[in-house]
Structure formats: C-alpha cells, structure tokens
C-alpha cells in the first residue's frame, strides 16, 4: 500500500466525518477521489466499486489512453482488487 496516499485518504475521511459539509471532493489535484455513501451497514468494498466501475460505459477512451494515463478509473479499480 502507498503510505502517503493512505495517510491522505485517512485524513480526508476523518475531515468528512467531522465536518457538517456532507460528502464532498477535496480541492486537491494530487489524487483522484471516488466517493461512495450508503445508508446500509456492512457494505463490502465491491458494493462501492461496482457502480463506480459501471461508469466505464459512459466514456470513449483514445486508443493510447492506457499508456498515457495508467491510473485511470479502470486501472484504479483493478489495482484495488489485487492483494
């Protein structure tokens, strides 16, 4: 796991939990954010990833997209499922 990314995500999650501003994206351009909220408990990671991953059908990627942007949403999704 990437320690710097993990720390950033943890700090932002704690800020969201403590603020009354709702579920909002940070103003940072260092990392992408994929926010997910539900009223249900005991949600598994795949429950959040499935609707996010389904968005791929809404995009038309250029043929060289994977080589230019290796951390696109699909790449992040696949990486999140790796051990």
PDB file of N, CA and C in Angstrom:
ATOM      1  N   UNK A   1       0.845  -1.174   0.000  1.00  0.00           N
ATOM      2  CA  UNK A   1       0.000   0.000   0.000  1.00  0.00           C
ATOM      3  C   UNK A   1       0.892   1.239   0.000  1.00  0.00           C
ATOM      4  N   UNK A   2       0.458   2.251  -0.648  1.00  0.00           N
ATOM      5  CA  UNK A   2       1.192   3.507  -0.733  1.00  0.00           C
ATOM      6  C   UNK A   2       0.892   4.318   0.528  1.00  0.00           C
ATOM      7  N   UNK A   3       1.897   4.463   1.399  1.00  0.00           N
ATOM      8  CA  UNK A   3       1.702   5.083   2.708  1.00  0.00           C
ATOM      9  C   UNK A   3       1.221   6.528   2.599  1.00  0.00           C
ATOM     10  N   UNK A   4       1.815   7.304   1.709  1.00  0.00           N
ATOM     11  CA  UNK A   4       1.418   8.711   1.571  1.00  0.00           C
ATOM     12  C   UNK A   4      -0.038   8.822   1.115  1.00  0.00           C
ATOM     13  N   UNK A   5      -0.431   8.007   0.143  1.00  0.00           N
ATOM     14  CA  UNK A   5      -1.809   8.013  -0.340  1.00  0.00           C
ATOM     15  C   UNK A   5      -2.766   7.561   0.755  1.00  0.00           C
ATOM     16  N   UNK A   6      -2.380   6.531   1.486  1.00  0.00           N
ATOM     17  CA  UNK A   6      -3.214   6.032   2.568  1.00  0.00           C
ATOM     18  C   UNK A   6      -3.428   7.115   3.633  1.00  0.00           C
ATOM     19  N   UNK A   7      -2.359   7.810   4.004  1.00  0.00           N
ATOM     20  CA  UNK A   7      -2.466   8.867   5.008  1.00  0.00           C
ATOM     21  C   UNK A   7      -3.353  10.007   4.523  1.00  0.00           C
ATOM     22  N   UNK A   8      -3.197  10.384   3.262  1.00  0.00           N
ATOM     23  CA  UNK A   8      -4.035  11.434   2.684  1.00  0.00           C
ATOM     24  C   UNK A   8      -5.514  11.032   2.737  1.00  0.00           C
ATOM     25  N   UNK A   9      -5.795   9.814   2.310  1.00  0.00           N
ATOM     26  CA  UNK A   9      -7.181   9.327   2.297  1.00  0.00           C
ATOM     27  C   UNK A   9      -7.760   9.278   3.703  1.00  0.00           C
ATOM     28  N   UNK A  10      -6.962   8.844   4.658  1.00  0.00           N
ATOM     29  CA  UNK A  10      -7.435   8.763   6.041  1.00  0.00           C
ATOM     30  C   UNK A  10      -7.754  10.156   6.591  1.00  0.00           C
ATOM     31  N   UNK A  11      -6.864  11.108   6.350  1.00  0.00           N
ATOM     32  CA  UNK A  11      -7.103  12.484   6.828  1.00  0.00           C
ATOM     33  C   UNK A  11      -8.378  13.064   6.210  1.00  0.00           C
ATOM     34  N   UNK A  12      -8.572  12.836   4.901  1.00  0.00           N
ATOM     35  CA  UNK A  12      -9.764  13.375   4.244  1.00  0.00           C
ATOM     36  C   UNK A  12     -11.026  12.691   4.760  1.00  0.00           C
ATOM     37  N   UNK A  13     -10.974  11.391   4.967  1.00  0.00           N
ATOM     38  CA  UNK A  13     -12.136  10.664   5.507  1.00  0.00           C
ATOM     39  C   UNK A  13     -12.489  11.178   6.900  1.00  0.00           C
ATOM     40  N   UNK A  14     -11.480  11.421   7.720  1.00  0.00           N
ATOM     41  CA  UNK A  14     -11.739  11.941   9.073  1.00  0.00           C
ATOM     42  C   UNK A  14     -12.323  13.349   9.016  1.00  0.00           C
ATOM     43  N   UNK A  15     -11.833  14.172   8.084  1.00  0.00           N
ATOM     44  CA  UNK A  15     -12.381  15.520   7.928  1.00  0.00           C
ATOM     45  C   UNK A  15     -13.847  15.448   7.517  1.00  0.00           C
ATOM     46  N   UNK A  16     -14.160  14.600   6.562  1.00  0.00           N
ATOM     47  CA  UNK A  16     -15.554  14.461   6.136  1.00  0.00           C
ATOM     48  C   UNK A  16     -16.431  13.977   7.282  1.00  0.00           C
ATOM     49  N   UNK A  17     -15.904  13.062   8.081  1.00  0.00           N
ATOM     50  CA  UNK A  17     -16.676  12.519   9.201  1.00  0.00           C
ATOM     51  C   UNK A  17     -16.938  13.580  10.262  1.00  0.00           C
ATOM     52  N   UNK A  18     -16.013  14.530  10.422  1.00  0.00           N
ATOM     53  CA  UNK A  18     -16.137  15.532  11.477  1.00  0.00           C
ATOM     54  C   UNK A  18     -16.803  16.825  11.031  1.00  0.00           C
ATOM     55  N   UNK A  19     -16.814  17.105   9.738  1.00  0.00           N
ATOM     56  CA  UNK A  19     -17.434  18.328   9.222  1.00  0.00           C
ATOM     57  C   UNK A  19     -18.911  18.079   8.967  1.00  0.00           C
ATOM     58  N   UNK A  20     -19.636  19.154   8.825  1.00  0.00           N
ATOM     59  CA  UNK A  20     -21.063  19.045   8.518  1.00  0.00           C
ATOM     60  C   UNK A  20     -21.322  19.503   7.082  1.00  0.00           C
ATOM     61  N   UNK A  21     -20.329  19.338   6.224  1.00  0.00           N
ATOM     62  CA  UNK A  21     -20.447  19.819   4.845  1.00  0.00           C
ATOM     63  C   UNK A  21     -20.964  18.746   3.895  1.00  0.00           C
ATOM     64  N   UNK A  22     -21.153  17.548   4.374  1.00  0.00           N
ATOM     65  CA  UNK A  22     -21.610  16.474   3.504  1.00  0.00           C
ATOM     66  C   UNK A  22     -20.453  15.775   2.823  1.00  0.00           C
ATOM     67  N   UNK A  23     -20.768  14.948   1.887  1.00  0.00           N
ATOM     68  CA  UNK A  23     -19.775  14.171   1.153  1.00  0.00           C
ATOM     69  C   UNK A  23     -19.307  14.988  -0.044  1.00  0.00           C
ATOM     70  N   UNK A  24     -18.129  15.562   0.068  1.00  0.00           N
ATOM     71  CA  UNK A  24     -17.612  16.451  -0.975  1.00  0.00           C
ATOM     72  C   UNK A  24     -16.192  16.054  -1.342  1.00  0.00           C
ATOM     73  N   UNK A  25     -15.811  16.386  -2.572  1.00  0.00           N
ATOM     74  CA  UNK A  25     -14.436  16.155  -3.020  1.00  0.00           C
ATOM     75  C   UNK A  25     -13.525  17.205  -2.410  1.00  0.00           C
ATOM     76  N   UNK A  26     -12.292  16.845  -2.173  1.00  0.00           N
ATOM     77  CA  UNK A  26     -11.303  17.811  -1.709  1.00  0.00           C
ATOM     78  C   UNK A  26     -10.939  18.728  -2.869  1.00  0.00           C
ATOM     79  N   UNK A  27     -10.214  19.754  -2.572  1.00  0.00           N
ATOM     80  CA  UNK A  27      -9.757  20.672  -3.613  1.00  0.00           C
ATOM     81  C   UNK A  27      -8.356  20.303  -4.095  1.00  0.00           C
ATOM     82  N   UNK A  28      -7.862  19.159  -3.685  1.00  0.00           N
ATOM     83  CA  UNK A  28      -6.535  18.710  -4.065  1.00  0.00           C
ATOM     84  C   UNK A  28      -6.560  18.128  -5.473  1.00  0.00           C
ATOM     85  N   UNK A  29      -5.517  18.414  -6.221  1.00  0.00           N
ATOM     86  CA  UNK A  29      -5.375  17.831  -7.546  1.00  0.00           C
ATOM     87  C   UNK A  29      -4.290  16.759  -7.561  1.00  0.00           C
ATOM     88  N   UNK A  30      -3.805  16.404  -6.369  1.00  0.00           N
ATOM     89  CA  UNK A  30      -2.747  15.404  -6.270  1.00  0.00           C
ATOM     90  C   UNK A  30      -3.262  13.986  -6.498  1.00  0.00           C
ATOM     91  N   UNK A  31      -4.498  13.735  -6.066  1.00  0.00           N
ATOM     92  CA  UNK A  31      -5.066  12.391  -6.160  1.00  0.00           C
ATOM     93  C   UNK A  31      -6.507  12.480  -6.635  1.00  0.00           C
ATOM     94  N   UNK A  32      -6.948  11.434  -7.306  1.00  0.00           N
ATOM     95  CA  UNK A  32      -8.352  11.338  -7.665  1.00  0.00           C
ATOM     96  C   UNK A  32      -9.143  10.808  -6.480  1.00  0.00           C
ATOM     97  N   UNK A  33     -10.411  11.076  -6.460  1.00  0.00           N
ATOM     98  CA  UNK A  33     -11.266  10.614  -5.365  1.00  0.00           C
ATOM     99  C   UNK A  33     -12.523   9.984  -5.947  1.00  0.00           C
ATOM    100  N   UNK A  34     -12.894   8.886  -5.413  1.00  0.00           N
ATOM    101  CA  UNK A  34     -14.147   8.229  -5.776  1.00  0.00           C
ATOM    102  C   UNK A  34     -14.913   8.028  -4.479  1.00  0.00           C
ATOM    103  N   UNK A  35     -15.884   8.901  -4.265  1.00  0.00           N
ATOM    104  CA  UNK A  35     -16.639   8.894  -3.015  1.00  0.00           C
ATOM    105  C   UNK A  35     -17.856   7.995  -3.147  1.00  0.00           C
ATOM    106  N   UNK A  36     -18.218   7.372  -2.047  1.00  0.00           N
ATOM    107  CA  UNK A  36     -19.364   6.465  -2.034  1.00  0.00           C
ATOM    108  C   UNK A  36     -20.055   6.596  -0.687  1.00  0.00           C
ATOM    109  N   UNK A  37     -21.360   6.670  -0.713  1.00  0.00           N
ATOM    110  CA  UNK A  37     -22.137   6.734   0.521  1.00  0.00           C
ATOM    111  C   UNK A  37     -23.330   5.800   0.413  1.00  0.00           C
ATOM    112  N   UNK A  38     -23.704   5.254   1.520  1.00  0.00           N
ATOM    113  CA  UNK A  38     -24.887   4.397   1.582  1.00  0.00           C
ATOM    114  C   UNK A  38     -25.477   4.469   2.975  1.00  0.00           C
ATOM    115  N   UNK A  39     -26.729   4.166   3.088  1.00  0.00           N
ATOM    116  CA  UNK A  39     -27.360   4.149   4.408  1.00  0.00           C
ATOM    117  C   UNK A  39     -27.298   2.763   5.032  1.00  0.00           C
ATOM    118  N   UNK A  40     -26.801   1.817   4.266  1.00  0.00           N
ATOM    119  CA  UNK A  40     -26.732   0.443   4.748  1.00  0.00           C
ATOM    120  C   UNK A  40     -25.433   0.197   5.509  1.00  0.00           C
ATOM    121  N   UNK A  41     -25.476  -0.744   6.406  1.00  0.00           N
ATOM    122  CA  UNK A  41     -24.281  -1.136   7.145  1.00  0.00           C
ATOM    123  C   UNK A  41     -23.713  -2.407   6.534  1.00  0.00           C
ATOM    124  N   UNK A  42     -22.508  -2.740   6.926  1.00  0.00           N
ATOM    125  CA  UNK A  42     -21.847  -3.959   6.461  1.00  0.00           C
ATOM    126  C   UNK A  42     -21.715  -4.013   4.948  1.00  0.00           C
ATOM    127  N   UNK A  43     -21.319  -2.901   4.373  1.00  0.00           N
ATOM    128  CA  UNK A  43     -21.119  -2.821   2.932  1.00  0.00           C
ATOM    129  C   UNK A  43     -19.715  -3.303   2.602  1.00  0.00           C
ATOM    130  N   UNK A  44     -19.604  -4.138   1.622  1.00  0.00           N
ATOM    131  CA  UNK A  44     -18.303  -4.629   1.178  1.00  0.00           C
ATOM    132  C   UNK A  44     -17.725  -3.676   0.135  1.00  0.00           C
ATOM    133  N   UNK A  45     -16.418  -3.694  -0.014  1.00  0.00           N
ATOM    134  CA  UNK A  45     -15.761  -2.826  -0.975  1.00  0.00           C
ATOM    135  C   UNK A  45     -16.317  -2.970  -2.377  1.00  0.00           C
ATOM    136  N   UNK A  46     -16.632  -4.194  -2.762  1.00  0.00           N
ATOM    137  CA  UNK A  46     -17.152  -4.409  -4.120  1.00  0.00           C
ATOM    138  C   UNK A  46     -18.511  -3.736  -4.317  1.00  0.00           C
ATOM    139  N   UNK A  47     -19.264  -3.502  -3.220  1.00  0.00           N
ATOM    140  CA  UNK A  47     -20.544  -2.806  -3.335  1.00  0.00           C
ATOM    141  C   UNK A  47     -20.343  -1.350  -3.750  1.00  0.00           C
ATOM    142  N   UNK A  48     -19.239  -0.770  -3.319  1.00  0.00           N
ATOM    143  CA  UNK A  48     -18.913   0.600  -3.711  1.00  0.00           C
ATOM    144  C   UNK A  48     -18.265   0.635  -5.086  1.00  0.00           C
ATOM    145  N   UNK A  49     -17.456  -0.355  -5.389  1.00  0.00           N
ATOM    146  CA  UNK A  49     -16.700  -0.364  -6.648  1.00  0.00           C
ATOM    147  C   UNK A  49     -17.594  -0.664  -7.848  1.00  0.00           C
ATOM    148  N   UNK A  50     -18.585  -1.514  -7.691  1.00  0.00           N
ATOM    149  CA  UNK A  50     -19.415  -1.942  -8.830  1.00  0.00           C
ATOM    150  C   UNK A  50     -20.085  -0.776  -9.562  1.00  0.00           C
ATOM    151  N   UNK A  51     -20.797   0.133  -8.879  1.00  0.00           N
ATOM    152  CA  UNK A  51     -21.415   1.235  -9.628  1.00  0.00           C
ATOM    153  C   UNK A  51     -20.387   2.209 -10.199  1.00  0.00           C
ATOM    154  N   UNK A  52     -19.290   2.375  -9.510  1.00  0.00           N
ATOM    155  CA  UNK A  52     -18.219   3.245  -9.987  1.00  0.00           C
ATOM    156  C   UNK A  52     -17.594   2.651 -11.252  1.00  0.00           C
ATOM    157  N   UNK A  53     -17.324   1.367 -11.232  1.00  0.00           N
ATOM    158  CA  UNK A  53     -16.743   0.690 -12.386  1.00  0.00           C
ATOM    159  C   UNK A  53     -17.712   0.694 -13.575  1.00  0.00           C
ATOM    160  N   UNK A  54     -19.004   0.623 -13.297  1.00  0.00           N
ATOM    161  CA  UNK A  54     -20.006   0.598 -14.368  1.00  0.00           C
ATOM    162  C   UNK A  54     -19.997   1.886 -15.191  1.00  0.00           C
ATOM    163  N   UNK A  55     -19.430   2.963 -14.651  1.00  0.00           N
ATOM    164  CA  UNK A  55     -19.356   4.224 -15.381  1.00  0.00           C
ATOM    165  C   UNK A  55     -18.510   4.120 -16.644  1.00  0.00           C
ATOM    166  N   UNK A  56     -17.680   3.099 -16.755  1.00  0.00           N
ATOM    167  CA  UNK A  56     -16.768   2.988 -17.894  1.00  0.00           C
ATOM    168  C   UNK A  56     -17.523   3.009 -19.219  1.00  0.00           C
ATOM    169  N   UNK A  57     -18.750   2.546 -19.237  1.00  0.00           N
ATOM    170  CA  UNK A  57     -19.526   2.524 -20.476  1.00  0.00           C
ATOM    171  C   UNK A  57     -19.870   3.937 -20.962  1.00  0.00           C
ATOM    172  N   UNK A  58     -19.714   4.933 -20.100  1.00  0.00           N
ATOM    173  CA  UNK A  58     -20.027   6.314 -20.462  1.00  0.00           C
ATOM    174  C   UNK A  58     -18.855   7.049 -21.116  1.00  0.00           C
ATOM    175  N   UNK A  59     -17.720   6.391 -21.213  1.00  0.00           N
ATOM    176  CA  UNK A  59     -16.514   7.047 -21.723  1.00  0.00           C
ATOM    177  C   UNK A  59     -16.046   6.421 -23.031  1.00  0.00           C
ATOM    178  N   UNK A  60     -15.487   7.262 -23.881  1.00  0.00           N
ATOM    179  CA  UNK A  60     -14.825   6.787 -25.102  1.00  0.00           C
ATOM    180  C   UNK A  60     -13.358   7.156 -24.943  1.00  0.00           C
ATOM    181  N   UNK A  61     -12.542   6.155 -24.712  1.00  0.00           N
ATOM    182  CA  UNK A  61     -11.126   6.380 -24.467  1.00  0.00           C
ATOM    183  C   UNK A  61     -10.354   6.326 -25.781  1.00  0.00           C
ATOM    184  N   UNK A  62      -9.339   7.190 -25.918  1.00  0.00           N
ATOM    185  CA  UNK A  62      -8.485   7.093 -27.106  1.00  0.00           C
ATOM    186  C   UNK A  62      -7.695   5.798 -27.063  1.00  0.00           C
ATOM    187  N   UNK A  63      -7.244   5.304 -28.209  1.00  0.00           N
ATOM    188  CA  UNK A  63      -6.539   4.015 -28.257  1.00  0.00           C
ATOM    189  C   UNK A  63      -5.317   3.942 -27.342  1.00  0.00           C
ATOM    190  N   UNK A  64      -4.621   5.055 -27.139  1.00  0.00           N
ATOM    191  CA  UNK A  64      -3.419   5.030 -26.313  1.00  0.00           C
ATOM    192  C   UNK A  64      -3.674   5.480 -24.876  1.00  0.00           C
ATOM    193  N   UNK A  65      -4.921   5.523 -24.460  1.00  0.00           N
ATOM    194  CA  UNK A  65      -5.270   6.042 -23.130  1.00  0.00           C
ATOM    195  C   UNK A  65      -4.542   5.313 -22.007  1.00  0.00           C
ATOM    196  N   UNK A  66      -4.497   4.001 -22.078  1.00  0.00           N
ATOM    197  CA  UNK A  66      -3.856   3.220 -21.022  1.00  0.00           C
ATOM    198  C   UNK A  66      -2.381   3.517 -20.852  1.00  0.00           C
ATOM    199  N   UNK A  67      -1.708   3.868 -21.921  1.00  0.00           N
ATOM    200  CA  UNK A  67      -0.286   4.175 -21.810  1.00  0.00           C
ATOM    201  C   UNK A  67      -0.053   5.617 -21.355  1.00  0.00           C
ATOM    202  N   UNK A  68      -1.001   6.502 -21.644  1.00  0.00           N
ATOM    203  CA  UNK A  68      -0.854   7.903 -21.245  1.00  0.00           C
ATOM    204  C   UNK A  68      -1.310   8.107 -19.801  1.00  0.00           C
ATOM    205  N   UNK A  69      -2.415   7.499 -19.425  1.00  0.00           N
ATOM    206  CA  UNK A  69      -2.989   7.654 -18.096  1.00  0.00           C
ATOM    207  C   UNK A  69      -3.112   6.282 -17.428  1.00  0.00           C
ATOM    208  N   UNK A  70      -2.019   5.740 -16.933  1.00  0.00           N
ATOM    209  CA  UNK A  70      -2.070   4.387 -16.379  1.00  0.00           C
ATOM    210  C   UNK A  70      -2.908   4.261 -15.107  1.00  0.00           C
ATOM    211  N   UNK A  71      -3.243   5.360 -14.456  1.00  0.00           N
ATOM    212  CA  UNK A  71      -4.043   5.289 -13.238  1.00  0.00           C
ATOM    213  C   UNK A  71      -5.463   5.784 -13.476  1.00  0.00           C
ATOM    214  N   UNK A  72      -6.014   5.463 -14.644  1.00  0.00           N
ATOM    215  CA  UNK A  72      -7.398   5.827 -14.916  1.00  0.00           C
ATOM    216  C   UNK A  72      -8.321   5.057 -13.973  1.00  0.00           C
ATOM    217  N   UNK A  73      -9.610   5.324 -14.031  1.00  0.00           N
ATOM    218  CA  UNK A  73     -10.550   4.671 -13.112  1.00  0.00           C
ATOM    219  C   UNK A  73     -10.488   3.154 -13.210  1.00  0.00           C
ATOM    220  N   UNK A  74     -10.381   2.635 -14.412  1.00  0.00           N
ATOM    221  CA  UNK A  74     -10.337   1.189 -14.569  1.00  0.00           C
ATOM    222  C   UNK A  74      -9.087   0.630 -13.910  1.00  0.00           C
ATOM    223  N   UNK A  75      -7.972   1.284 -14.133  1.00  0.00           N
ATOM    224  CA  UNK A  75      -6.726   0.839 -13.515  1.00  0.00           C
ATOM    225  C   UNK A  75      -6.807   0.877 -12.009  1.00  0.00           C
ATOM    226  N   UNK A  76      -7.381   1.938 -11.456  1.00  0.00           N
ATOM    227  CA  UNK A  76      -7.537   2.028 -10.002  1.00  0.00           C
ATOM    228  C   UNK A  76      -8.441   0.921  -9.493  1.00  0.00           C
ATOM    229  N   UNK A  77      -9.486   0.637 -10.241  1.00  0.00           N
ATOM    230  CA  UNK A  77     -10.419  -0.410  -9.827  1.00  0.00           C
ATOM    231  C   UNK A  77      -9.727  -1.764  -9.789  1.00  0.00           C
ATOM    232  N   UNK A  78      -9.006  -2.069 -10.838  1.00  0.00           N
ATOM    233  CA  UNK A  78      -8.296  -3.351 -10.903  1.00  0.00           C
ATOM    234  C   UNK A  78      -7.267  -3.430  -9.799  1.00  0.00           C
ATOM    235  N   UNK A  79      -6.510  -2.360  -9.601  1.00  0.00           N
ATOM    236  CA  UNK A  79      -5.494  -2.369  -8.547  1.00  0.00           C
ATOM    237  C   UNK A  79      -6.119  -2.547  -7.170  1.00  0.00           C
ATOM    238  N   UNK A  80      -7.304  -1.975  -6.956  1.00  0.00           N
ATOM    239  CA  UNK A  80      -7.950  -2.092  -5.649  1.00  0.00           C
ATOM    240  C   UNK A  80      -8.362  -3.524  -5.334  1.00  0.00           C
ATOM    241  N   UNK A  81      -8.499  -4.340  -6.361  1.00  0.00           N
ATOM    242  CA  UNK A  81      -8.914  -5.725  -6.145  1.00  0.00           C
ATOM    243  C   UNK A  81      -7.741  -6.673  -5.995  1.00  0.00           C
ATOM    244  N   UNK A  82      -6.528  -6.172  -6.247  1.00  0.00           N
ATOM    245  CA  UNK A  82      -5.345  -7.006  -6.120  1.00  0.00           C
ATOM    246  C   UNK A  82      -4.929  -7.126  -4.651  1.00  0.00           C
ATOM    247  N   UNK A  83      -4.311  -8.257  -4.296  1.00  0.00           N
ATOM    248  CA  UNK A  83      -3.883  -8.404  -2.891  1.00  0.00           C
ATOM    249  C   UNK A  83      -2.736  -7.476  -2.542  1.00  0.00           C
TER     250      UNK A  83
END
